[in-house]
Amino acid sequence: MNHPEYFPVEINTADIGKLLRVPGIGPRSAKRIVELRRREKIKDIETLKRLGVVVKRAKDFILINGKRIKEEKYTQLSLISSELLEAG
């Protein structure tokens, strides 16, 4: 945070040292990112979450394919009808 010139970091090209500077990316998730990039390109935040990245902390400091991350917030929908709730 004290060095804004280092950010944002492109997740698909940054070396492990640059990845480790990003809040929310620890040594294990940085290694996992580098290993996955050898096989395929990282395309979304869901992939980063599966790799152990704390996306909530990292999103302001990284780019995926040149684009900033916008973490979408989902609202859980109720599966119980409101009529059933009122009748109960």
C-alpha atoms as a PDB file:
ATOM      1  CA  MET A   1       0.000   0.000   0.000  1.00  0.00           C
ATOM      2  CA  ASN A   2       2.949   2.292   0.588  1.00  0.00           C
ATOM      3  CA  HIS A   3       4.055   1.772  -3.014  1.00  0.00           C
ATOM      4  CA  PRO A   4       1.165   2.438  -5.398  1.00  0.00           C
ATOM      5  CA  GLU A   5       3.576   2.279  -8.340  1.00  0.00           C
ATOM      6  CA  TYR A   6       3.596  -1.529  -7.949  1.00  0.00           C
ATOM      7  CA  PHE A   7      -0.147  -1.869  -8.476  1.00  0.00           C
ATOM      8  CA  PRO A   8      -2.282  -3.066 -10.097  1.00  0.00           C
ATOM      9  CA  VAL A   9      -0.638  -6.428 -10.797  1.00  0.00           C
ATOM     10  CA  GLU A  10      -1.712  -8.474 -13.826  1.00  0.00           C
ATOM     11  CA  ILE A  11      -2.542 -11.874 -12.362  1.00  0.00           C
ATOM     12  CA  ASN A  12      -1.726 -13.758 -15.588  1.00  0.00           C
ATOM     13  CA  THR A  13       1.789 -12.360 -16.057  1.00  0.00           C
ATOM     14  CA  ALA A  14       3.147 -11.282 -12.650  1.00  0.00           C
ATOM     15  CA  ASP A  15       5.994 -13.256 -11.142  1.00  0.00           C
ATOM     16  CA  ILE A  16       5.627 -14.814  -7.716  1.00  0.00           C
ATOM     17  CA  GLY A  17       7.386 -11.879  -6.014  1.00  0.00           C
ATOM     18  CA  LYS A  18       4.858  -9.403  -7.378  1.00  0.00           C
ATOM     19  CA  LEU A  19       1.954 -11.665  -6.468  1.00  0.00           C
ATOM     20  CA  LEU A  20       3.184 -11.853  -2.876  1.00  0.00           C
ATOM     21  CA  ARG A  21       2.965  -8.049  -2.571  1.00  0.00           C
ATOM     22  CA  VAL A  22      -0.783  -8.182  -3.152  1.00  0.00           C
ATOM     23  CA  PRO A  23      -2.896  -8.189   0.026  1.00  0.00           C
ATOM     24  CA  GLY A  24      -4.959 -11.357   0.091  1.00  0.00           C
ATOM     25  CA  ILE A  25      -2.423 -13.468  -1.812  1.00  0.00           C
ATOM     26  CA  GLY A  26      -0.191 -15.574   0.402  1.00  0.00           C
ATOM     27  CA  PRO A  27       2.677 -17.912  -0.476  1.00  0.00           C
ATOM     28  CA  ARG A  28       0.435 -20.932  -1.089  1.00  0.00           C
ATOM     29  CA  SER A  29      -2.059 -19.142  -3.309  1.00  0.00           C
ATOM     30  CA  ALA A  30       0.761 -17.389  -5.222  1.00  0.00           C
ATOM     31  CA  LYS A  31       2.346 -20.786  -5.982  1.00  0.00           C
ATOM     32  CA  ARG A  32      -1.038 -22.166  -7.020  1.00  0.00           C
ATOM     33  CA  ILE A  33      -1.598 -19.205  -9.370  1.00  0.00           C
ATOM     34  CA  VAL A  34       1.773 -19.720 -11.049  1.00  0.00           C
ATOM     35  CA  GLU A  35       1.177 -23.479 -11.389  1.00  0.00           C
ATOM     36  CA  LEU A  36      -2.285 -23.000 -12.895  1.00  0.00           C
ATOM     37  CA  ARG A  37      -1.006 -20.391 -15.359  1.00  0.00           C
ATOM     38  CA  ARG A  38       1.328 -22.998 -16.834  1.00  0.00           C
ATOM     39  CA  ARG A  39      -1.755 -24.938 -17.988  1.00  0.00           C
ATOM     40  CA  GLU A  40      -4.350 -22.237 -18.603  1.00  0.00           C
ATOM     41  CA  LYS A  41      -5.127 -18.559 -18.319  1.00  0.00           C
ATOM     42  CA  ILE A  42      -6.934 -17.293 -15.233  1.00  0.00           C
ATOM     43  CA  LYS A  43     -10.199 -15.792 -16.425  1.00  0.00           C
ATOM     44  CA  ASP A  44     -12.338 -14.940 -13.395  1.00  0.00           C
ATOM     45  CA  ILE A  45     -12.468 -14.301  -9.669  1.00  0.00           C
ATOM     46  CA  GLU A  46     -14.060 -17.679  -8.980  1.00  0.00           C
ATOM     47  CA  THR A  47     -10.822 -19.333 -10.091  1.00  0.00           C
ATOM     48  CA  LEU A  48      -8.851 -17.094  -7.736  1.00  0.00           C
ATOM     49  CA  LYS A  49     -11.171 -17.979  -4.856  1.00  0.00           C
ATOM     50  CA  ARG A  50     -10.634 -21.697  -5.520  1.00  0.00           C
ATOM     51  CA  LEU A  51      -6.870 -21.088  -5.399  1.00  0.00           C
ATOM     52  CA  GLY A  52      -7.154 -19.566  -1.922  1.00  0.00           C
ATOM     53  CA  VAL A  53      -6.968 -15.858  -2.775  1.00  0.00           C
ATOM     54  CA  VAL A  54      -8.911 -13.565  -0.463  1.00  0.00           C
ATOM     55  CA  VAL A  55     -10.548 -11.695  -3.341  1.00  0.00           C
ATOM     56  CA  LYS A  56     -12.174  -9.123  -1.070  1.00  0.00           C
ATOM     57  CA  ARG A  57      -8.693  -7.890  -0.067  1.00  0.00           C
ATOM     58  CA  ALA A  58      -6.925  -8.447  -3.397  1.00  0.00           C
ATOM     59  CA  LYS A  59      -9.464  -7.024  -5.872  1.00  0.00           C
ATOM     60  CA  ASP A  60      -8.223  -3.422  -5.726  1.00  0.00           C
ATOM     61  CA  PHE A  61      -4.643  -4.484  -6.428  1.00  0.00           C
ATOM     62  CA  ILE A  62      -4.981  -6.906  -9.342  1.00  0.00           C
ATOM     63  CA  LEU A  63      -6.060  -7.125 -12.965  1.00  0.00           C
ATOM     64  CA  ILE A  64      -7.370 -10.161 -14.803  1.00  0.00           C
ATOM     65  CA  ASN A  65      -6.622  -9.897 -18.521  1.00  0.00           C
ATOM     66  CA  GLY A  66      -6.120  -6.150 -18.182  1.00  0.00           C
ATOM     67  CA  LYS A  67      -9.422  -5.522 -16.384  1.00  0.00           C
ATOM     68  CA  ARG A  68     -10.130  -4.551 -12.806  1.00  0.00           C
ATOM     69  CA  ILE A  69     -12.214  -6.907 -10.706  1.00  0.00           C
ATOM     70  CA  LYS A  70     -15.714  -6.060  -9.664  1.00  0.00           C
ATOM     71  CA  GLU A  71     -16.827  -8.559  -7.068  1.00  0.00           C
ATOM     72  CA  GLU A  72     -20.526  -9.066  -7.468  1.00  0.00           C
ATOM     73  CA  LYS A  73     -22.688  -9.413  -4.422  1.00  0.00           C
ATOM     74  CA  TYR A  74     -25.342 -12.041  -4.601  1.00  0.00           C
ATOM     75  CA  THR A  75     -28.610 -12.064  -2.736  1.00  0.00           C
ATOM     76  CA  GLN A  76     -29.851 -15.404  -1.551  1.00  0.00           C
ATOM     77  CA  LEU A  77     -33.320 -16.163  -2.790  1.00  0.00           C
ATOM     78  CA  SER A  78     -35.802 -17.895  -0.566  1.00  0.00           C
ATOM     79  CA  LEU A  79     -37.096 -21.203  -1.810  1.00  0.00           C
ATOM     80  CA  ILE A  80     -40.122 -21.043   0.448  1.00  0.00           C
ATOM     81  CA  SER A  81     -43.160 -19.294  -0.948  1.00  0.00           C
ATOM     82  CA  SER A  82     -44.357 -16.248   0.990  1.00  0.00           C
ATOM     83  CA  GLU A  83     -47.840 -17.792   0.950  1.00  0.00           C
ATOM     84  CA  LEU A  84     -46.552 -20.798   2.882  1.00  0.00           C
ATOM     85  CA  LEU A  85     -44.909 -18.520   5.434  1.00  0.00           C
ATOM     86  CA  GLU A  86     -48.135 -16.590   6.001  1.00  0.00           C
ATOM     87  CA  ALA A  87     -50.210 -19.793   6.263  1.00  0.00           C
ATOM     88  CA  GLY A  88     -47.821 -21.409   8.752  1.00  0.00           C
END
